[in-house]
N, C-alpha and C. Protein backbone atom coordinates (compact mmCIF):
# COMPACT_ATOMS: atom_id res chain seq x y z
N UNK A 1 -16.63 46.06 68.88
CA UNK A 1 -16.03 46.08 69.81
C UNK A 1 -16.73 46.47 71.12
N UNK A 2 -16.83 45.21 72.35
CA UNK A 2 -17.25 45.41 73.84
C UNK A 2 -16.33 46.02 74.87
N UNK A 3 -16.71 46.94 75.68
CA UNK A 3 -16.07 46.97 76.82
C UNK A 3 -16.41 46.36 77.79
N UNK A 4 -15.18 45.36 78.58
CA UNK A 4 -15.15 44.48 79.51
C UNK A 4 -14.96 45.17 80.88
N UNK A 5 -15.94 45.71 81.96
CA UNK A 5 -15.43 46.07 82.86
C UNK A 5 -16.79 45.29 84.13
N UNK A 6 -15.85 45.63 84.98
CA UNK A 6 -16.75 44.97 86.10
C UNK A 6 -17.88 45.65 86.72
N UNK A 7 -17.84 46.77 86.38
CA UNK A 7 -19.26 47.59 86.76
C UNK A 7 -20.12 47.64 85.76
N UNK A 8 -19.91 46.88 84.31
CA UNK A 8 -20.73 47.22 83.00
C UNK A 8 -22.16 46.05 83.14
N UNK A 9 -21.89 45.12 84.04
CA UNK A 9 -22.99 44.29 83.95
C UNK A 9 -22.95 43.59 82.88
N UNK A 10 -22.00 43.12 82.73
CA UNK A 10 -22.09 42.38 81.23
C UNK A 10 -22.08 40.95 81.43
N UNK A 11 -22.27 40.45 82.55
CA UNK A 11 -22.46 39.02 82.97
C UNK A 11 -23.88 39.02 83.76
N UNK A 12 -24.54 39.96 83.55
CA UNK A 12 -25.73 39.56 84.39
C UNK A 12 -27.03 40.03 83.20
N UNK A 13 -27.65 38.98 82.98
CA UNK A 13 -28.94 39.01 81.79
C UNK A 13 -30.32 40.02 82.20
N UNK A 14 -30.22 41.18 81.63
CA UNK A 14 -31.42 41.90 81.89
C UNK A 14 -32.37 41.61 81.56
N UNK A 15 -33.63 41.73 82.35
CA UNK A 15 -35.09 41.51 82.20
C UNK A 15 -35.75 42.06 81.14
N UNK A 16 -36.69 41.68 79.98
CA UNK A 16 -37.43 42.37 79.23
C UNK A 16 -38.82 42.22 80.17
N UNK A 17 -39.57 43.29 79.72
CA UNK A 17 -41.07 43.31 80.16
C UNK A 17 -42.14 42.30 79.89
N UNK A 18 -42.45 41.66 81.15
CA UNK A 18 -42.87 39.96 81.02
C UNK A 18 -43.79 39.81 79.60
N UNK A 19 -44.58 40.79 79.19
CA UNK A 19 -45.45 40.12 77.76
C UNK A 19 -44.46 40.26 76.59
N UNK A 20 -42.86 40.42 76.74
CA UNK A 20 -42.25 40.60 75.38
C UNK A 20 -41.34 39.02 75.85
N UNK A 21 -41.82 38.27 74.73
CA UNK A 21 -41.10 37.14 74.56
C UNK A 21 -40.35 37.21 73.47
N UNK A 22 -38.95 36.39 73.51
CA UNK A 22 -38.73 36.52 72.02
C UNK A 22 -37.63 34.69 72.29
N UNK A 23 -37.87 33.98 71.41
CA UNK A 23 -37.23 32.62 71.44
C UNK A 23 -35.98 32.76 71.45
N UNK A 24 -35.33 33.81 71.02
CA UNK A 24 -33.68 33.99 70.57
C UNK A 24 -33.38 34.75 71.61
N UNK A 25 -33.75 35.32 72.81
CA UNK A 25 -33.28 35.93 74.00
C UNK A 25 -32.13 35.02 74.85
N UNK A 26 -32.62 34.09 74.97
CA UNK A 26 -31.75 33.09 76.15
C UNK A 26 -30.28 32.93 75.11
N UNK A 27 -30.76 31.97 74.26
CA UNK A 27 -29.40 31.77 73.67
C UNK A 27 -28.60 33.09 73.17
N UNK A 28 -29.08 34.27 72.78
CA UNK A 28 -28.10 35.22 72.34
C UNK A 28 -27.36 35.92 73.76
N UNK A 29 -27.94 35.66 74.84
CA UNK A 29 -27.35 35.97 75.90
C UNK A 29 -26.55 35.09 76.66
N UNK A 30 -26.50 33.89 76.43
CA UNK A 30 -25.22 32.92 76.37
C UNK A 30 -24.25 32.89 75.50
N UNK A 31 -24.61 33.04 74.24
CA UNK A 31 -23.29 33.51 73.55
C UNK A 31 -22.59 34.60 73.70
N UNK A 32 -23.74 35.61 74.27
CA UNK A 32 -22.67 36.98 74.55
C UNK A 32 -21.94 36.67 75.80
N UNK A 33 -22.35 36.02 76.48
CA UNK A 33 -21.55 35.54 77.85
C UNK A 33 -20.51 34.83 77.65
N UNK A 34 -20.48 33.76 76.82
CA UNK A 34 -19.25 32.95 76.65
C UNK A 34 -18.64 33.50 75.75
N UNK A 35 -18.74 34.53 75.13
CA UNK A 35 -17.55 35.25 74.16
C UNK A 35 -16.66 36.43 75.27
N UNK A 36 -17.73 36.62 76.07
CA UNK A 36 -17.12 37.76 77.03
C UNK A 36 -16.32 37.11 78.29
N UNK A 37 -16.59 36.08 78.73
CA UNK A 37 -15.80 34.91 79.16
C UNK A 37 -14.42 34.34 78.88
N UNK A 38 -14.57 34.17 77.51
CA UNK A 38 -13.45 33.78 76.73
C UNK A 38 -11.92 34.79 76.59
N UNK A 39 -12.95 35.93 76.16
CA UNK A 39 -11.98 36.92 76.10
C UNK A 39 -11.27 37.28 77.61
N UNK A 40 -12.44 37.18 78.36
CA UNK A 40 -11.46 37.72 79.54
C UNK A 40 -10.53 36.72 80.02
N UNK A 41 -10.64 35.34 80.11
CA UNK A 41 -9.94 34.50 80.08
C UNK A 41 -8.75 34.71 79.68
N UNK A 42 -8.35 34.96 78.57
CA UNK A 42 -6.83 35.34 77.75
C UNK A 42 -6.29 36.75 78.07
N UNK A 43 -7.50 37.59 78.79
CA UNK A 43 -6.22 38.70 79.20
C UNK A 43 -5.49 38.39 80.17
N UNK A 44 -3.89 39.11 80.50
CA UNK A 44 -3.15 39.26 81.42
C UNK A 44 -3.23 39.86 82.15
N UNK A 45 -2.45 40.30 83.32
CA UNK A 45 -3.24 40.75 84.69
C UNK A 45 -2.71 42.61 84.41
N UNK A 46 -1.87 42.70 83.44
CA UNK A 46 -1.88 44.30 83.23
C UNK A 46 -3.20 44.62 82.59
N UNK A 47 -3.90 43.72 81.66
CA UNK A 47 -4.89 44.02 81.16
C UNK A 47 -6.00 43.99 81.79
N UNK A 48 -6.50 43.27 82.94
CA UNK A 48 -7.26 43.14 83.73
C UNK A 48 -7.25 44.12 84.70
N UNK A 49 -5.97 44.68 85.30
CA UNK A 49 -5.98 45.61 85.99
C UNK A 49 -6.77 47.20 85.39
N UNK A 50 -6.31 47.23 84.27
CA UNK A 50 -6.76 48.28 83.27
C UNK A 50 -8.27 48.57 83.19
N UNK A 51 -8.88 47.32 83.07
CA UNK A 51 -10.55 47.44 83.26
C UNK A 51 -11.20 46.99 84.54
N UNK A 52 -10.22 46.89 85.76
CA UNK A 52 -10.80 46.96 87.24
C UNK A 52 -10.78 45.58 87.78
N UNK A 53 -10.12 44.80 86.85
CA UNK A 53 -10.47 43.26 87.61
C UNK A 53 -8.94 42.98 88.18
N UNK A 54 -9.22 41.86 89.11
CA UNK A 54 -7.89 41.24 89.48
C UNK A 54 -8.03 39.80 88.83
N UNK A 55 -6.80 39.46 88.76
CA UNK A 55 -6.74 37.73 88.16
C UNK A 55 -7.68 36.87 88.67
N UNK A 56 -7.29 37.16 90.08
CA UNK A 56 -8.36 35.52 90.48
C UNK A 56 -9.81 35.93 90.48
N UNK A 57 -10.47 36.93 90.29
CA UNK A 57 -11.68 37.22 89.93
C UNK A 57 -12.43 36.80 88.39
N UNK A 58 -11.41 37.11 87.92
CA UNK A 58 -11.04 36.65 86.28
C UNK A 58 -11.20 35.56 85.68
N UNK A 59 -10.44 34.74 86.64
CA UNK A 59 -10.22 33.41 86.09
C UNK A 59 -11.48 32.51 86.87
N UNK A 60 -12.21 33.06 87.77
CA UNK A 60 -13.03 32.59 88.40
C UNK A 60 -14.57 32.67 87.40
N UNK A 61 -14.57 34.04 86.88
CA UNK A 61 -15.65 34.13 85.98
C UNK A 61 -15.60 33.60 84.97
N UNK A 62 -14.30 33.71 83.98
CA UNK A 62 -13.70 33.10 83.04
C UNK A 62 -14.09 31.11 82.66
N UNK A 63 -14.17 30.81 84.42
CA UNK A 63 -14.20 29.35 84.41
C UNK A 63 -15.91 29.24 84.79
N UNK A 64 -16.72 29.65 84.69
CA UNK A 64 -18.26 29.71 84.88
C UNK A 64 -19.14 29.06 83.70
N UNK A 65 -19.76 28.34 83.37
CA UNK A 65 -20.73 27.90 82.13
C UNK A 65 -21.24 29.08 81.81
N UNK A 66 -21.44 29.11 80.63
CA UNK A 66 -21.73 29.92 79.81
C UNK A 66 -23.51 30.16 80.09
N UNK A 67 -24.16 29.47 80.75
CA UNK A 67 -25.42 29.15 81.21
C UNK A 67 -25.65 29.68 82.38
N UNK A 68 -24.65 30.19 83.43
CA UNK A 68 -24.66 30.70 84.58
C UNK A 68 -24.51 32.14 84.88
N UNK A 69 -25.30 32.86 85.38
CA UNK A 69 -24.96 34.45 84.92
C UNK A 69 -23.91 34.80 86.44
């Protein structure tokens, strides 16, 4: 289970060293971002408050396409 918090940086793609290239890094990041945004979009106000989000920010984040960080 993945903890979703505003401070966790779950929606920010981390960069690897420039010499390390893996063809699957980008699709994995997109898939992870898509799943997290889907879960975020399903949470109610109480659950969002528990993890430090408000409804407006959560809905805005959940509405973003998976390829946007």
